[in-house]
Each structure stands twice: as structure tokens, then as C-alpha cells.
Amino acid sequence: MATFPCEYFLFSTKYPDSGSRIQLGNSYVYTSPPPAPDQRIFRLTLAGMQYFVTPEGVIDLFTSTSRNMAVLELFYNDHKLYLPFDFNHPVLGLVSCKFNRPLEIPQGMPGGNGILESFELELIEIP
């Protein structure tokens, strides 16, 4: 399975509501366990992503691959929202994920030589 190519990002983790809670009389709450494993959502904020171009004017996929936007875009197009991949989570280690939302490429910075504004990606864990 392919591994998510970006290494430089900030992240947050969102846990879903697990199980069911039912309010009964006298402030008693009954809680049942979830029927399936939780699927965590990882929100990544990527900054400093850049399109690199060779001296011949061709998109370069080999320079700074961990922050190369063309590499990430190719990775997204290979996986879309349905194919799983490995994500090297800074705390949890290797986690199987899918993209949870379509990739939205931000505009470039004026005079930034291909550097893009920071943007968010959302991944969902595959238990």
C-alpha cells in the first residue's frame, strides 16, 4: 500500500461519538457500546507546499517530494476518496486511511515561485 507523501504538517484528531446514550428518568443515562470500531478523522494543515519546475519548464516530481504539491496532487488522483493508503501519524505510527474530502488546491502566493497558501486536508481512518 502506498504511503502518504507529505511529512511537514500540523494535525488534529477528531474522535466520533461512540455508542448510543439514552436519557432515562431521574438523571440516569444509559450508554451502550458502539457496534463497530471508531473511525478517527485526521485534519492536516499543510504550509509551504510548492510546485517545482525544471529549467525546461516541466513540472518536477523529484525535488523536495515531501513538500512537492505536484507529488501530492498525483497521489490524490491515484487514490481519490476510495483507495486506502498508509499515513505515518506522528503519534500513532502507521495508520490506514482514505481521503475524507476532495483535495482543494489553494492559490499561489504572489511572487512565491510556486509556493501555495496553507490549506487543510482531511483523512479518515480505516479500522
C-alpha atoms as a PDB file:
ATOM      1  CA  MET A   1       0.000   0.000   0.000  1.00  0.00           C
ATOM      2  CA  ALA A   2       1.276   3.478  -0.835  1.00  0.00           C
ATOM      3  CA  THR A   3       2.319   5.895   1.907  1.00  0.00           C
ATOM      4  CA  PHE A   4       1.055   9.473   2.189  1.00  0.00           C
ATOM      5  CA  PRO A   5       3.902  11.593   0.753  1.00  0.00           C
ATOM      6  CA  CYS A   6       3.824  14.726   2.942  1.00  0.00           C
ATOM      7  CA  GLU A   7       5.928  14.943   6.092  1.00  0.00           C
ATOM      8  CA  TYR A   8       5.522  18.584   7.146  1.00  0.00           C
ATOM      9  CA  PHE A   9       2.101  19.373   8.598  1.00  0.00           C
ATOM     10  CA  LEU A  10       0.205  20.280  11.721  1.00  0.00           C
ATOM     11  CA  PHE A  11      -2.507  17.822  12.712  1.00  0.00           C
ATOM     12  CA  SER A  12      -5.559  17.413  14.867  1.00  0.00           C
ATOM     13  CA  THR A  13      -7.559  14.277  15.613  1.00  0.00           C
ATOM     14  CA  LYS A  14     -11.326  14.120  15.886  1.00  0.00           C
ATOM     15  CA  TYR A  15     -12.987  11.154  17.578  1.00  0.00           C
ATOM     16  CA  PRO A  16     -16.592  10.310  16.643  1.00  0.00           C
ATOM     17  CA  ASP A  17     -19.445   9.875  19.111  1.00  0.00           C
ATOM     18  CA  SER A  18     -19.163   6.258  20.219  1.00  0.00           C
ATOM     19  CA  GLY A  19     -22.156   4.129  21.060  1.00  0.00           C
ATOM     20  CA  SER A  20     -25.568   5.380  21.999  1.00  0.00           C
ATOM     21  CA  ARG A  21     -26.680   7.380  25.014  1.00  0.00           C
ATOM     22  CA  ILE A  22     -30.274   7.325  26.211  1.00  0.00           C
ATOM     23  CA  GLN A  23     -31.573   9.720  28.861  1.00  0.00           C
ATOM     24  CA  LEU A  24     -33.810   7.903  31.325  1.00  0.00           C
ATOM     25  CA  GLY A  25     -35.677   9.208  34.353  1.00  0.00           C
ATOM     26  CA  ASN A  26     -34.041  10.751  37.437  1.00  0.00           C
ATOM     27  CA  SER A  27     -30.965  11.932  35.508  1.00  0.00           C
ATOM     28  CA  TYR A  28     -29.954   8.357  34.714  1.00  0.00           C
ATOM     29  CA  VAL A  29     -28.160   7.912  31.380  1.00  0.00           C
ATOM     30  CA  TYR A  30     -27.850   4.505  29.754  1.00  0.00           C
ATOM     31  CA  THR A  31     -24.860   4.116  27.426  1.00  0.00           C
ATOM     32  CA  SER A  32     -24.372   1.229  25.010  1.00  0.00           C
ATOM     33  CA  PRO A  33     -21.072   0.349  23.300  1.00  0.00           C
ATOM     34  CA  PRO A  34     -20.516   1.145  19.622  1.00  0.00           C
ATOM     35  CA  PRO A  35     -21.437  -1.553  17.091  1.00  0.00           C
ATOM     36  CA  ALA A  36     -18.181  -1.072  15.146  1.00  0.00           C
ATOM     37  CA  PRO A  37     -14.679   0.360  15.723  1.00  0.00           C
ATOM     38  CA  ASP A  38     -14.322   4.137  15.789  1.00  0.00           C
ATOM     39  CA  GLN A  39     -13.109   5.934  12.682  1.00  0.00           C
ATOM     40  CA  ARG A  40     -10.939   8.864  13.677  1.00  0.00           C
ATOM     41  CA  ILE A  41     -10.640  11.871  11.396  1.00  0.00           C
ATOM     42  CA  PHE A  42      -7.222  13.477  10.980  1.00  0.00           C
ATOM     43  CA  ARG A  43      -7.141  17.117   9.889  1.00  0.00           C
ATOM     44  CA  LEU A  44      -3.799  18.116   8.416  1.00  0.00           C
ATOM     45  CA  THR A  45      -2.712  21.696   7.816  1.00  0.00           C
ATOM     46  CA  LEU A  46      -0.043  21.876   5.145  1.00  0.00           C
ATOM     47  CA  ALA A  47       2.071  25.001   4.690  1.00  0.00           C
ATOM     48  CA  GLY A  48       4.960  25.621   2.330  1.00  0.00           C
ATOM     49  CA  MET A  49       3.740  23.262  -0.368  1.00  0.00           C
ATOM     50  CA  GLN A  50       5.231  24.212  -3.716  1.00  0.00           C
ATOM     51  CA  TYR A  51       5.122  23.341  -7.396  1.00  0.00           C
ATOM     52  CA  PHE A  52       8.659  22.853  -8.708  1.00  0.00           C
ATOM     53  CA  VAL A  53       9.565  23.346 -12.353  1.00  0.00           C
ATOM     54  CA  THR A  54      12.664  22.142 -14.210  1.00  0.00           C
ATOM     55  CA  PRO A  55      14.784  24.643 -16.198  1.00  0.00           C
ATOM     56  CA  GLU A  56      12.998  23.301 -19.299  1.00  0.00           C
ATOM     57  CA  GLY A  57       9.631  24.384 -17.851  1.00  0.00           C
ATOM     58  CA  VAL A  58       8.346  20.899 -16.994  1.00  0.00           C
ATOM     59  CA  ILE A  59       6.720  20.042 -13.635  1.00  0.00           C
ATOM     60  CA  ASP A  60       9.374  18.408 -11.429  1.00  0.00           C
ATOM     61  CA  LEU A  61       8.210  15.413  -9.343  1.00  0.00           C
ATOM     62  CA  PHE A  62      11.628  14.667  -7.844  1.00  0.00           C
ATOM     63  CA  THR A  63      12.570  17.847  -5.940  1.00  0.00           C
ATOM     64  CA  SER A  64      11.568  18.021  -2.244  1.00  0.00           C
ATOM     65  CA  THR A  65       8.983  15.255  -2.610  1.00  0.00           C
ATOM     66  CA  SER A  66       7.673  15.694   0.958  1.00  0.00           C
ATOM     67  CA  ARG A  67       6.504  19.260   0.175  1.00  0.00           C
ATOM     68  CA  ASN A  68       6.073  18.987  -3.600  1.00  0.00           C
ATOM     69  CA  MET A  69       2.469  19.849  -4.497  1.00  0.00           C
ATOM     70  CA  ALA A  70       2.657  18.007  -7.814  1.00  0.00           C
ATOM     71  CA  VAL A  71       3.558  14.804  -5.906  1.00  0.00           C
ATOM     72  CA  LEU A  72       0.598  15.274  -3.534  1.00  0.00           C
ATOM     73  CA  GLU A  73      -1.750  16.034  -6.425  1.00  0.00           C
ATOM     74  CA  LEU A  74      -0.626  12.885  -8.265  1.00  0.00           C
ATOM     75  CA  PHE A  75      -1.027  10.854  -5.046  1.00  0.00           C
ATOM     76  CA  TYR A  76      -4.564  12.217  -4.587  1.00  0.00           C
ATOM     77  CA  ASN A  77      -5.504  11.464  -8.204  1.00  0.00           C
ATOM     78  CA  ASP A  78      -4.232   7.896  -7.771  1.00  0.00           C
ATOM     79  CA  HIS A  79      -6.339   7.347  -4.603  1.00  0.00           C
ATOM     80  CA  LYS A  80      -9.287   9.795  -4.772  1.00  0.00           C
ATOM     81  CA  LEU A  81     -11.786   9.133  -1.955  1.00  0.00           C
ATOM     82  CA  TYR A  82     -11.968   5.359  -2.328  1.00  0.00           C
ATOM     83  CA  LEU A  83      -8.479   3.792  -2.221  1.00  0.00           C
ATOM     84  CA  PRO A  84      -6.754   3.318   1.155  1.00  0.00           C
ATOM     85  CA  PHE A  85      -3.151   4.262   1.879  1.00  0.00           C
ATOM     86  CA  ASP A  86      -0.774   4.323   4.834  1.00  0.00           C
ATOM     87  CA  PHE A  87      -0.438   7.542   6.804  1.00  0.00           C
ATOM     88  CA  ASN A  88       2.575   7.919   9.090  1.00  0.00           C
ATOM     89  CA  HIS A  89       0.875   9.621  12.041  1.00  0.00           C
ATOM     90  CA  PRO A  90       3.362  11.454  14.308  1.00  0.00           C
ATOM     91  CA  VAL A  91       1.858   9.884  17.459  1.00  0.00           C
ATOM     92  CA  LEU A  92       0.036   6.719  16.373  1.00  0.00           C
ATOM     93  CA  GLY A  93       2.539   5.479  13.794  1.00  0.00           C
ATOM     94  CA  LEU A  94       1.375   3.862  10.562  1.00  0.00           C
ATOM     95  CA  VAL A  95      -2.424   4.134  10.161  1.00  0.00           C
ATOM     96  CA  SER A  96      -4.543   3.025   7.185  1.00  0.00           C
ATOM     97  CA  CYS A  97      -6.562   5.965   5.832  1.00  0.00           C
ATOM     98  CA  LYS A  98      -8.528   7.344   2.914  1.00  0.00           C
ATOM     99  CA  PHE A  99      -9.078  10.945   1.903  1.00  0.00           C
ATOM    100  CA  ASN A 100     -12.236  12.115   3.659  1.00  0.00           C
ATOM    101  CA  ARG A 101     -12.825  15.175   1.446  1.00  0.00           C
ATOM    102  CA  PRO A 102     -11.714  16.052  -2.082  1.00  0.00           C
ATOM    103  CA  LEU A 103      -8.387  17.863  -2.458  1.00  0.00           C
ATOM    104  CA  GLU A 104      -8.733  21.634  -2.816  1.00  0.00           C
ATOM    105  CA  ILE A 105      -5.553  23.255  -4.139  1.00  0.00           C
ATOM    106  CA  PRO A 106      -5.189  26.828  -2.887  1.00  0.00           C
ATOM    107  CA  GLN A 107      -3.964  29.741  -4.934  1.00  0.00           C
ATOM    108  CA  GLY A 108      -0.285  30.501  -5.184  1.00  0.00           C
ATOM    109  CA  MET A 109       1.381  33.316  -3.306  1.00  0.00           C
ATOM    110  CA  PRO A 110       2.223  36.391  -5.419  1.00  0.00           C
ATOM    111  CA  GLY A 111       5.913  36.254  -6.316  1.00  0.00           C
ATOM    112  CA  GLY A 112       6.187  32.965  -4.402  1.00  0.00           C
ATOM    113  CA  ASN A 113       7.839  30.924  -7.165  1.00  0.00           C
ATOM    114  CA  GLY A 114       5.184  28.184  -6.995  1.00  0.00           C
ATOM    115  CA  ILE A 115       4.615  28.275  -3.214  1.00  0.00           C
ATOM    116  CA  LEU A 116       0.970  27.864  -2.233  1.00  0.00           C
ATOM    117  CA  GLU A 117      -1.011  29.278   0.670  1.00  0.00           C
ATOM    118  CA  SER A 118      -1.524  26.881   3.579  1.00  0.00           C
ATOM    119  CA  PHE A 119      -4.501  24.534   3.297  1.00  0.00           C
ATOM    120  CA  GLU A 120      -6.245  21.661   5.072  1.00  0.00           C
ATOM    121  CA  LEU A 121      -6.635  18.013   4.162  1.00  0.00           C
ATOM    122  CA  GLU A 122      -8.929  15.580   5.933  1.00  0.00           C
ATOM    123  CA  LEU A 123      -8.146  11.873   6.235  1.00  0.00           C
ATOM    124  CA  ILE A 124     -10.390   9.197   7.732  1.00  0.00           C
ATOM    125  CA  GLU A 125      -9.013   6.130   9.459  1.00  0.00           C
ATOM    126  CA  ILE A 126      -9.821   2.703   8.052  1.00  0.00           C
ATOM    127  CA  PRO A 127     -10.103   0.327  11.058  1.00  0.00           C
END
